[in-house]
Amino acid sequence: MIMSKSFRKMTSQGFTLIEVIISLGVFGLIVSGLFSLLPWGVENVSKIKDRSTALGLVDAVQVELERLGFSIVEHGSKRLTGLYNPSGEPEDVVNAEVRRLILVSPKMGGKAVLERVVESQQVRSAKKFKVSPLMISDELDEVVTELGGEIQFNRSQDKPVSLNGFEAPAYLTHASERWIDEKDRYFAIICSQFAKQPAGLGTPLSRHFHHPSNGYLALQVNIEWPYKVFDPSEPDGFKMIEEKYRSKISFPVAISR
């Protein structure tokens, strides 16, 4: 009789079928919620990794700008007029073309190389300067400087300055080390000079604006990604991502004359 009462007491304290079903339902909701967060977590990890890689490109950008040399960088990023006018100071270009020097880097980072120089329209709005969006059709191959010399941004295969005009053959080791396939140009590194009066006429001058007497050239560097991605459906095997869909960071650099 005593065992029978104890057994009944134990069974009366167990889980009912309804409780088990409710527990399994709650557990299923928790697990499904965690799984729904998994893609978001993976995507965030990828974003953090890309941002870390972009920040790590600072030294690579500096090395490539120094390799190109002061004259190429100065004229490839020109934003002021009258740089070498002995009768006055340089002034902001208004409602005219300015240049931006574009470097590229693969997704893994590690190096930055010149892809092209583009010309874009710069206008002054009520508060600040605005430069038209980056367009490949605005590529600039060469310029004649104020002092009469000629600078070629897109050189031939034996002397590669730009990555845009050719794919380096294997025997040109100095070129093949720099070459990055179009589909692998994940980071765009856009270098431009600072405006003289970024906030408009009558406002304080930018402390970074370029003057030939400085002996150095300060640049605003915008790193944007993804710039180009692999896409087999495209004729060239890649597509360019619109600027509004890219992540961005900015920082200044300077090179000496």
C-alpha atoms as a PDB file:
ATOM      1  CA  MET A   1       0.000   0.000   0.000  1.00  0.00           C
ATOM      2  CA  ILE A   2       2.843   2.377   0.857  1.00  0.00           C
ATOM      3  CA  MET A   3       4.618   1.790  -2.511  1.00  0.00           C
ATOM      4  CA  SER A   4       1.393   2.326  -4.375  1.00  0.00           C
ATOM      5  CA  LYS A   5       0.890   5.726  -2.735  1.00  0.00           C
ATOM      6  CA  SER A   6       4.512   6.751  -3.437  1.00  0.00           C
ATOM      7  CA  PHE A   7       4.200   5.767  -7.086  1.00  0.00           C
ATOM      8  CA  ARG A   8       0.990   7.742  -7.484  1.00  0.00           C
ATOM      9  CA  LYS A   9       2.678  10.757  -5.874  1.00  0.00           C
ATOM     10  CA  MET A  10       5.655  10.590  -8.293  1.00  0.00           C
ATOM     11  CA  THR A  11       3.462  10.287 -11.354  1.00  0.00           C
ATOM     12  CA  SER A  12       1.308  13.155 -10.233  1.00  0.00           C
ATOM     13  CA  GLN A  13       4.416  15.413 -10.116  1.00  0.00           C
ATOM     14  CA  GLY A  14       5.589  14.612 -13.702  1.00  0.00           C
ATOM     15  CA  PHE A  15       5.071  16.705 -16.867  1.00  0.00           C
ATOM     16  CA  THR A  16       1.797  16.425 -18.631  1.00  0.00           C
ATOM     17  CA  LEU A  17       1.609  16.021 -22.408  1.00  0.00           C
ATOM     18  CA  ILE A  18       0.382  19.610 -22.801  1.00  0.00           C
ATOM     19  CA  GLU A  19       3.353  20.950 -20.814  1.00  0.00           C
ATOM     20  CA  VAL A  20       5.788  18.976 -22.964  1.00  0.00           C
ATOM     21  CA  ILE A  21       4.193  20.288 -26.163  1.00  0.00           C
ATOM     22  CA  ILE A  22       4.311  23.891 -24.894  1.00  0.00           C
ATOM     23  CA  SER A  23       7.959  23.476 -23.865  1.00  0.00           C
ATOM     24  CA  LEU A  24       8.908  22.113 -27.267  1.00  0.00           C
ATOM     25  CA  GLY A  25       7.089  24.988 -28.944  1.00  0.00           C
ATOM     26  CA  VAL A  26       8.946  27.600 -26.872  1.00  0.00           C
ATOM     27  CA  PHE A  27      12.245  25.835 -27.536  1.00  0.00           C
ATOM     28  CA  GLY A  28      11.494  25.820 -31.271  1.00  0.00           C
ATOM     29  CA  LEU A  29      10.761  29.540 -31.247  1.00  0.00           C
ATOM     30  CA  ILE A  30      14.066  30.283 -29.500  1.00  0.00           C
ATOM     31  CA  VAL A  31      16.092  28.098 -31.870  1.00  0.00           C
ATOM     32  CA  SER A  32      14.426  29.550 -34.981  1.00  0.00           C
ATOM     33  CA  GLY A  33      15.097  33.056 -33.662  1.00  0.00           C
ATOM     34  CA  LEU A  34      18.770  32.258 -33.182  1.00  0.00           C
ATOM     35  CA  PHE A  35      19.033  30.799 -36.676  1.00  0.00           C
ATOM     36  CA  SER A  36      17.398  33.906 -38.134  1.00  0.00           C
ATOM     37  CA  LEU A  37      20.180  35.985 -36.552  1.00  0.00           C
ATOM     38  CA  LEU A  38      22.942  33.854 -38.078  1.00  0.00           C
ATOM     39  CA  PRO A  39      23.048  35.528 -41.558  1.00  0.00           C
ATOM     40  CA  TRP A  40      22.966  38.944 -39.883  1.00  0.00           C
ATOM     41  CA  GLY A  41      25.900  37.975 -37.681  1.00  0.00           C
ATOM     42  CA  VAL A  42      27.921  36.612 -40.631  1.00  0.00           C
ATOM     43  CA  GLU A  43      27.205  39.770 -42.643  1.00  0.00           C
ATOM     44  CA  ASN A  44      28.347  41.977 -39.763  1.00  0.00           C
ATOM     45  CA  VAL A  45      31.569  40.018 -39.410  1.00  0.00           C
ATOM     46  CA  SER A  46      32.223  40.535 -43.142  1.00  0.00           C
ATOM     47  CA  LYS A  47      31.532  44.273 -42.837  1.00  0.00           C
ATOM     48  CA  ILE A  48      33.889  44.602 -39.883  1.00  0.00           C
ATOM     49  CA  LYS A  49      36.597  42.688 -41.763  1.00  0.00           C
ATOM     50  CA  ASP A  50      36.223  44.919 -44.851  1.00  0.00           C
ATOM     51  CA  ARG A  51      36.395  48.060 -42.722  1.00  0.00           C
ATOM     52  CA  SER A  52      39.498  46.775 -40.944  1.00  0.00           C
ATOM     53  CA  THR A  53      41.114  46.012 -44.331  1.00  0.00           C
ATOM     54  CA  ALA A  54      40.223  49.505 -45.597  1.00  0.00           C
ATOM     55  CA  LEU A  55      41.804  51.130 -42.533  1.00  0.00           C
ATOM     56  CA  GLY A  56      44.891  48.999 -43.076  1.00  0.00           C
ATOM     57  CA  LEU A  57      45.358  50.441 -46.578  1.00  0.00           C
ATOM     58  CA  VAL A  58      46.712  53.757 -45.265  1.00  0.00           C
ATOM     59  CA  ASP A  59      50.346  52.697 -45.605  1.00  0.00           C
ATOM     60  CA  ALA A  60      49.744  51.101 -49.029  1.00  0.00           C
ATOM     61  CA  VAL A  61      48.173  54.336 -50.286  1.00  0.00           C
ATOM     62  CA  GLN A  62      51.130  56.347 -49.024  1.00  0.00           C
ATOM     63  CA  VAL A  63      53.605  54.000 -50.712  1.00  0.00           C
ATOM     64  CA  GLU A  64      51.809  54.145 -54.078  1.00  0.00           C
ATOM     65  CA  LEU A  65      51.499  57.941 -54.029  1.00  0.00           C
ATOM     66  CA  GLU A  66      55.208  58.251 -53.267  1.00  0.00           C
ATOM     67  CA  ARG A  67      55.982  55.773 -56.065  1.00  0.00           C
ATOM     68  CA  LEU A  68      53.965  57.773 -58.583  1.00  0.00           C
ATOM     69  CA  GLY A  69      55.796  60.952 -57.654  1.00  0.00           C
ATOM     70  CA  PHE A  70      54.763  64.467 -56.721  1.00  0.00           C
ATOM     71  CA  SER A  71      54.010  65.766 -60.234  1.00  0.00           C
ATOM     72  CA  ILE A  72      51.681  62.920 -61.234  1.00  0.00           C
ATOM     73  CA  VAL A  73      49.790  63.092 -57.944  1.00  0.00           C
ATOM     74  CA  GLU A  74      49.599  66.904 -57.996  1.00  0.00           C
ATOM     75  CA  HIS A  75      48.188  67.087 -61.518  1.00  0.00           C
ATOM     76  CA  GLY A  76      46.121  63.922 -61.143  1.00  0.00           C
ATOM     77  CA  SER A  77      44.260  65.378 -58.171  1.00  0.00           C
ATOM     78  CA  LYS A  78      44.142  69.034 -59.252  1.00  0.00           C
ATOM     79  CA  ARG A  79      41.329  71.033 -57.687  1.00  0.00           C
ATOM     80  CA  LEU A  80      42.699  74.591 -57.785  1.00  0.00           C
ATOM     81  CA  THR A  81      43.483  76.942 -60.626  1.00  0.00           C
ATOM     82  CA  GLY A  82      46.553  79.136 -60.917  1.00  0.00           C
ATOM     83  CA  LEU A  83      48.850  76.841 -58.956  1.00  0.00           C
ATOM     84  CA  TYR A  84      51.920  78.251 -60.692  1.00  0.00           C
ATOM     85  CA  ASN A  85      50.712  81.757 -61.367  1.00  0.00           C
ATOM     86  CA  PRO A  86      53.452  84.107 -60.031  1.00  0.00           C
ATOM     87  CA  SER A  87      51.037  87.026 -59.744  1.00  0.00           C
ATOM     88  CA  GLY A  88      48.555  85.482 -57.309  1.00  0.00           C
ATOM     89  CA  GLU A  89      47.549  82.580 -55.085  1.00  0.00           C
ATOM     90  CA  PRO A  90      45.771  79.440 -56.265  1.00  0.00           C
ATOM     91  CA  GLU A  91      41.989  79.703 -56.271  1.00  0.00           C
ATOM     92  CA  ASP A  92      39.141  77.197 -56.173  1.00  0.00           C
ATOM     93  CA  VAL A  93      37.878  75.929 -59.516  1.00  0.00           C
ATOM     94  CA  VAL A  94      34.213  76.915 -59.870  1.00  0.00           C
ATOM     95  CA  ASN A  95      31.837  75.413 -62.473  1.00  0.00           C
ATOM     96  CA  ALA A  96      34.724  73.680 -64.227  1.00  0.00           C
ATOM     97  CA  GLU A  97      36.583  70.379 -64.306  1.00  0.00           C
ATOM     98  CA  VAL A  98      38.628  69.055 -61.396  1.00  0.00           C
ATOM     99  CA  ARG A  99      40.567  65.792 -61.258  1.00  0.00           C
ATOM    100  CA  ARG A 100      40.503  62.787 -58.987  1.00  0.00           C
ATOM    101  CA  LEU A 101      43.180  60.143 -58.842  1.00  0.00           C
ATOM    102  CA  ILE A 102      41.783  56.627 -58.389  1.00  0.00           C
ATOM    103  CA  LEU A 103      43.758  53.826 -56.764  1.00  0.00           C
ATOM    104  CA  VAL A 104      42.410  50.291 -56.390  1.00  0.00           C
ATOM    105  CA  SER A 105      43.051  47.411 -54.012  1.00  0.00           C
ATOM    106  CA  PRO A 106      41.907  43.765 -53.871  1.00  0.00           C
ATOM    107  CA  LYS A 107      39.537  42.505 -51.179  1.00  0.00           C
ATOM    108  CA  MET A 108      42.408  41.103 -49.143  1.00  0.00           C
ATOM    109  CA  GLY A 109      44.136  44.508 -49.189  1.00  0.00           C
ATOM    110  CA  GLY A 110      47.912  44.630 -48.905  1.00  0.00           C
ATOM    111  CA  LYS A 111      48.549  46.954 -51.849  1.00  0.00           C
ATOM    112  CA  ALA A 112      47.132  49.967 -53.645  1.00  0.00           C
ATOM    113  CA  VAL A 113      47.831  50.775 -57.292  1.00  0.00           C
ATOM    114  CA  LEU A 114      46.810  53.556 -59.671  1.00  0.00           C
ATOM    115  CA  GLU A 115      43.891  52.647 -61.913  1.00  0.00           C
ATOM    116  CA  ARG A 116      42.979  55.926 -63.613  1.00  0.00           C
ATOM    117  CA  VAL A 117      42.597  59.697 -63.345  1.00  0.00           C
ATOM    118  CA  VAL A 118      39.149  61.172 -63.990  1.00  0.00           C
ATOM    119  CA  GLU A 119      37.848  64.690 -64.569  1.00  0.00           C
ATOM    120  CA  SER A 120      34.601  65.719 -62.877  1.00  0.00           C
ATOM    121  CA  GLN A 121      32.514  68.870 -62.788  1.00  0.00           C
ATOM    122  CA  GLN A 122      32.839  70.944 -59.613  1.00  0.00           C
ATOM    123  CA  VAL A 123      30.184  73.479 -58.667  1.00  0.00           C
ATOM    124  CA  ARG A 124      29.795  75.645 -55.607  1.00  0.00           C
ATOM    125  CA  SER A 125      26.453  75.368 -53.866  1.00  0.00           C
ATOM    126  CA  ALA A 126      25.215  77.728 -51.176  1.00  0.00           C
ATOM    127  CA  LYS A 127      27.300  76.056 -48.476  1.00  0.00           C
ATOM    128  CA  LYS A 128      30.085  73.978 -50.000  1.00  0.00           C
ATOM    129  CA  PHE A 129      31.661  72.529 -53.119  1.00  0.00           C
ATOM    130  CA  LYS A 130      30.033  69.615 -54.863  1.00  0.00           C
ATOM    131  CA  VAL A 131      31.807  67.332 -57.336  1.00  0.00           C
ATOM    132  CA  SER A 132      29.802  65.260 -59.828  1.00  0.00           C
ATOM    133  CA  PRO A 133      29.719  61.452 -59.345  1.00  0.00           C
ATOM    134  CA  LEU A 134      32.631  59.322 -60.475  1.00  0.00           C
ATOM    135  CA  MET A 135      32.186  58.211 -64.082  1.00  0.00           C
ATOM    136  CA  ILE A 136      34.582  55.948 -65.975  1.00  0.00           C
ATOM    137  CA  SER A 137      33.802  57.853 -69.168  1.00  0.00           C
ATOM    138  CA  ASP A 138      35.537  60.885 -67.658  1.00  0.00           C
ATOM    139  CA  GLU A 139      38.935  59.162 -67.707  1.00  0.00           C
ATOM    140  CA  LEU A 140      41.887  61.422 -68.464  1.00  0.00           C
ATOM    141  CA  ASP A 141      44.917  59.979 -70.246  1.00  0.00           C
ATOM    142  CA  GLU A 142      47.301  62.938 -70.220  1.00  0.00           C
ATOM    143  CA  VAL A 143      47.617  66.613 -69.340  1.00  0.00           C
ATOM    144  CA  VAL A 144      49.856  69.527 -70.279  1.00  0.00           C
ATOM    145  CA  THR A 145      51.099  71.275 -67.150  1.00  0.00           C
ATOM    146  CA  GLU A 146      51.220  75.023 -66.519  1.00  0.00           C
ATOM    147  CA  LEU A 147      54.951  74.920 -67.102  1.00  0.00           C
ATOM    148  CA  GLY A 148      54.597  73.242 -70.499  1.00  0.00           C
ATOM    149  CA  GLY A 149      55.462  69.651 -69.629  1.00  0.00           C
ATOM    150  CA  GLU A 150      53.277  66.656 -70.444  1.00  0.00           C
ATOM    151  CA  ILE A 151      52.170  64.027 -67.943  1.00  0.00           C
ATOM    152  CA  GLN A 152      50.773  60.681 -69.139  1.00  0.00           C
ATOM    153  CA  PHE A 153      48.576  58.928 -66.601  1.00  0.00           C
ATOM    154  CA  ASN A 154      47.958  55.886 -68.780  1.00  0.00           C
ATOM    155  CA  ARG A 155      51.310  54.643 -70.009  1.00  0.00           C
ATOM    156  CA  SER A 156      52.229  51.820 -72.368  1.00  0.00           C
ATOM    157  CA  GLN A 157      53.046  48.287 -71.267  1.00  0.00           C
ATOM    158  CA  ASP A 158      56.772  48.812 -70.827  1.00  0.00           C
ATOM    159  CA  LYS A 159      56.257  51.708 -68.393  1.00  0.00           C
ATOM    160  CA  PRO A 160      53.025  51.033 -66.528  1.00  0.00           C
ATOM    161  CA  VAL A 161      51.694  53.962 -64.539  1.00  0.00           C
ATOM    162  CA  SER A 162      48.008  53.110 -64.888  1.00  0.00           C
ATOM    163  CA  LEU A 163      46.360  49.721 -64.542  1.00  0.00           C
ATOM    164  CA  ASN A 164      43.571  50.711 -66.889  1.00  0.00           C
ATOM    165  CA  GLY A 165      45.169  50.566 -70.309  1.00  0.00           C
ATOM    166  CA  PHE A 166      46.625  47.070 -70.422  1.00  0.00           C
ATOM    167  CA  GLU A 167      46.955  43.703 -68.758  1.00  0.00           C
ATOM    168  CA  ALA A 168      50.602  43.113 -68.050  1.00  0.00           C
ATOM    169  CA  PRO A 169      52.320  40.164 -69.758  1.00  0.00           C
ATOM    170  CA  ALA A 170      54.064  37.662 -67.500  1.00  0.00           C
ATOM    171  CA  TYR A 171      57.583  38.662 -68.527  1.00  0.00           C
ATOM    172  CA  LEU A 172      57.079  42.201 -67.195  1.00  0.00           C
ATOM    173  CA  THR A 173      57.505  41.313 -63.550  1.00  0.00           C
ATOM    174  CA  HIS A 174      57.430  44.928 -62.352  1.00  0.00           C
ATOM    175  CA  ALA A 175      54.019  45.288 -64.015  1.00  0.00           C
ATOM    176  CA  SER A 176      52.496  41.896 -63.193  1.00  0.00           C
ATOM    177  CA  GLU A 177      53.183  42.436 -59.492  1.00  0.00           C
ATOM    178  CA  ARG A 178      50.991  45.525 -59.638  1.00  0.00           C
ATOM    179  CA  TRP A 179      48.263  44.194 -61.908  1.00  0.00           C
ATOM    180  CA  ILE A 180      44.847  43.513 -60.338  1.00  0.00           C
ATOM    181  CA  ASP A 181      42.067  41.914 -62.385  1.00  0.00           C
ATOM    182  CA  GLU A 182      39.041  44.152 -62.907  1.00  0.00           C
ATOM    183  CA  LYS A 183      36.785  41.760 -60.983  1.00  0.00           C
ATOM    184  CA  ASP A 184      39.188  41.871 -58.020  1.00  0.00           C
ATOM    185  CA  ARG A 185      39.284  45.669 -57.667  1.00  0.00           C
ATOM    186  CA  TYR A 186      37.202  45.653 -54.511  1.00  0.00           C
ATOM    187  CA  PHE A 187      38.354  48.914 -52.919  1.00  0.00           C
ATOM    188  CA  ALA A 188      38.348  52.244 -54.757  1.00  0.00           C
ATOM    189  CA  ILE A 189      40.714  54.779 -53.217  1.00  0.00           C
ATOM    190  CA  ILE A 190      39.738  58.243 -54.436  1.00  0.00           C
ATOM    191  CA  CYS A 191      42.377  60.929 -53.881  1.00  0.00           C
ATOM    192  CA  SER A 192      41.591  64.624 -54.312  1.00  0.00           C
ATOM    193  CA  GLN A 193      43.002  67.916 -53.140  1.00  0.00           C
ATOM    194  CA  PHE A 194      41.246  70.007 -50.517  1.00  0.00           C
ATOM    195  CA  ALA A 195      39.220  73.031 -51.563  1.00  0.00           C
ATOM    196  CA  LYS A 196      40.738  76.377 -50.606  1.00  0.00           C
ATOM    197  CA  GLN A 197      37.506  77.678 -49.056  1.00  0.00           C
ATOM    198  CA  PRO A 198      35.285  74.618 -48.627  1.00  0.00           C
ATOM    199  CA  ALA A 199      32.514  76.525 -46.843  1.00  0.00           C
ATOM    200  CA  GLY A 200      32.276  79.311 -49.443  1.00  0.00           C
ATOM    201  CA  LEU A 201      33.704  82.730 -50.203  1.00  0.00           C
ATOM    202  CA  GLY A 202      34.620  84.859 -47.196  1.00  0.00           C
ATOM    203  CA  THR A 203      35.067  81.838 -44.917  1.00  0.00           C
ATOM    204  CA  PRO A 204      38.348  80.676 -43.323  1.00  0.00           C
ATOM    205  CA  LEU A 205      40.785  78.865 -45.607  1.00  0.00           C
ATOM    206  CA  SER A 206      41.300  75.137 -45.294  1.00  0.00           C
ATOM    207  CA  ARG A 207      44.544  74.396 -43.474  1.00  0.00           C
ATOM    208  CA  HIS A 208      45.133  71.580 -45.990  1.00  0.00           C
ATOM    209  CA  PHE A 209      44.673  73.533 -49.220  1.00  0.00           C
ATOM    210  CA  HIS A 210      47.520  73.151 -51.677  1.00  0.00           C
ATOM    211  CA  HIS A 211      50.061  75.868 -52.397  1.00  0.00           C
ATOM    212  CA  PRO A 212      53.236  75.074 -54.392  1.00  0.00           C
ATOM    213  CA  SER A 213      55.385  76.917 -51.844  1.00  0.00           C
ATOM    214  CA  ASN A 214      54.402  74.465 -49.099  1.00  0.00           C
ATOM    215  CA  GLY A 215      56.740  71.744 -50.308  1.00  0.00           C
ATOM    216  CA  TYR A 216      54.090  69.122 -49.614  1.00  0.00           C
ATOM    217  CA  LEU A 217      50.715  68.095 -51.002  1.00  0.00           C
ATOM    218  CA  ALA A 218      47.831  67.167 -48.693  1.00  0.00           C
ATOM    219  CA  LEU A 219      45.098  64.954 -50.088  1.00  0.00           C
ATOM    220  CA  GLN A 220      41.683  63.858 -48.947  1.00  0.00           C
ATOM    221  CA  VAL A 221      41.416  60.104 -49.409  1.00  0.00           C
ATOM    222  CA  ASN A 222      38.030  58.371 -49.628  1.00  0.00           C
ATOM    223  CA  ILE A 223      38.065  54.573 -49.605  1.00  0.00           C
ATOM    224  CA  GLU A 224      34.849  53.058 -50.967  1.00  0.00           C
ATOM    225  CA  TRP A 225      33.811  49.419 -51.242  1.00  0.00           C
ATOM    226  CA  PRO A 226      32.698  47.296 -52.990  1.00  0.00           C
ATOM    227  CA  TYR A 227      33.947  49.101 -56.113  1.00  0.00           C
ATOM    228  CA  LYS A 228      33.820  46.248 -58.629  1.00  0.00           C
ATOM    229  CA  VAL A 229      32.629  42.680 -58.109  1.00  0.00           C
ATOM    230  CA  PHE A 230      32.703  39.465 -60.127  1.00  0.00           C
ATOM    231  CA  ASP A 231      29.582  39.005 -62.242  1.00  0.00           C
ATOM    232  CA  PRO A 232      29.667  36.354 -65.011  1.00  0.00           C
ATOM    233  CA  SER A 233      26.454  37.736 -66.510  1.00  0.00           C
ATOM    234  CA  GLU A 234      28.244  40.956 -67.493  1.00  0.00           C
ATOM    235  CA  PRO A 235      30.178  41.107 -70.820  1.00  0.00           C
ATOM    236  CA  ASP A 236      33.442  41.951 -69.034  1.00  0.00           C
ATOM    237  CA  GLY A 237      32.869  39.495 -66.178  1.00  0.00           C
ATOM    238  CA  PHE A 238      32.415  42.171 -63.523  1.00  0.00           C
ATOM    239  CA  LYS A 239      30.173  45.081 -62.637  1.00  0.00           C
ATOM    240  CA  MET A 240      30.761  48.406 -60.930  1.00  0.00           C
ATOM    241  CA  ILE A 241      28.711  49.080 -57.814  1.00  0.00           C
ATOM    242  CA  GLU A 242      26.995  52.471 -57.628  1.00  0.00           C
ATOM    243  CA  GLU A 243      28.501  54.902 -55.111  1.00  0.00           C
ATOM    244  CA  LYS A 244      25.337  55.097 -53.028  1.00  0.00           C
ATOM    245  CA  TYR A 245      25.629  51.380 -52.210  1.00  0.00           C
ATOM    246  CA  ARG A 246      29.262  51.497 -51.059  1.00  0.00           C
ATOM    247  CA  SER A 247      30.671  51.735 -47.558  1.00  0.00           C
ATOM    248  CA  LYS A 248      33.137  54.594 -47.067  1.00  0.00           C
ATOM    249  CA  ILE A 249      35.885  55.909 -44.830  1.00  0.00           C
ATOM    250  CA  SER A 250      37.966  59.084 -45.211  1.00  0.00           C
ATOM    251  CA  PHE A 251      41.343  60.292 -43.999  1.00  0.00           C
ATOM    252  CA  PRO A 252      44.049  62.792 -45.070  1.00  0.00           C
ATOM    253  CA  VAL A 253      47.518  61.913 -46.361  1.00  0.00           C
ATOM    254  CA  ALA A 254      50.422  64.050 -47.503  1.00  0.00           C
ATOM    255  CA  ILE A 255      53.416  63.551 -49.773  1.00  0.00           C
ATOM    256  CA  SER A 256      56.493  65.740 -49.972  1.00  0.00           C
ATOM    257  CA  ARG A 257      57.879  67.328 -53.107  1.00  0.00           C
END
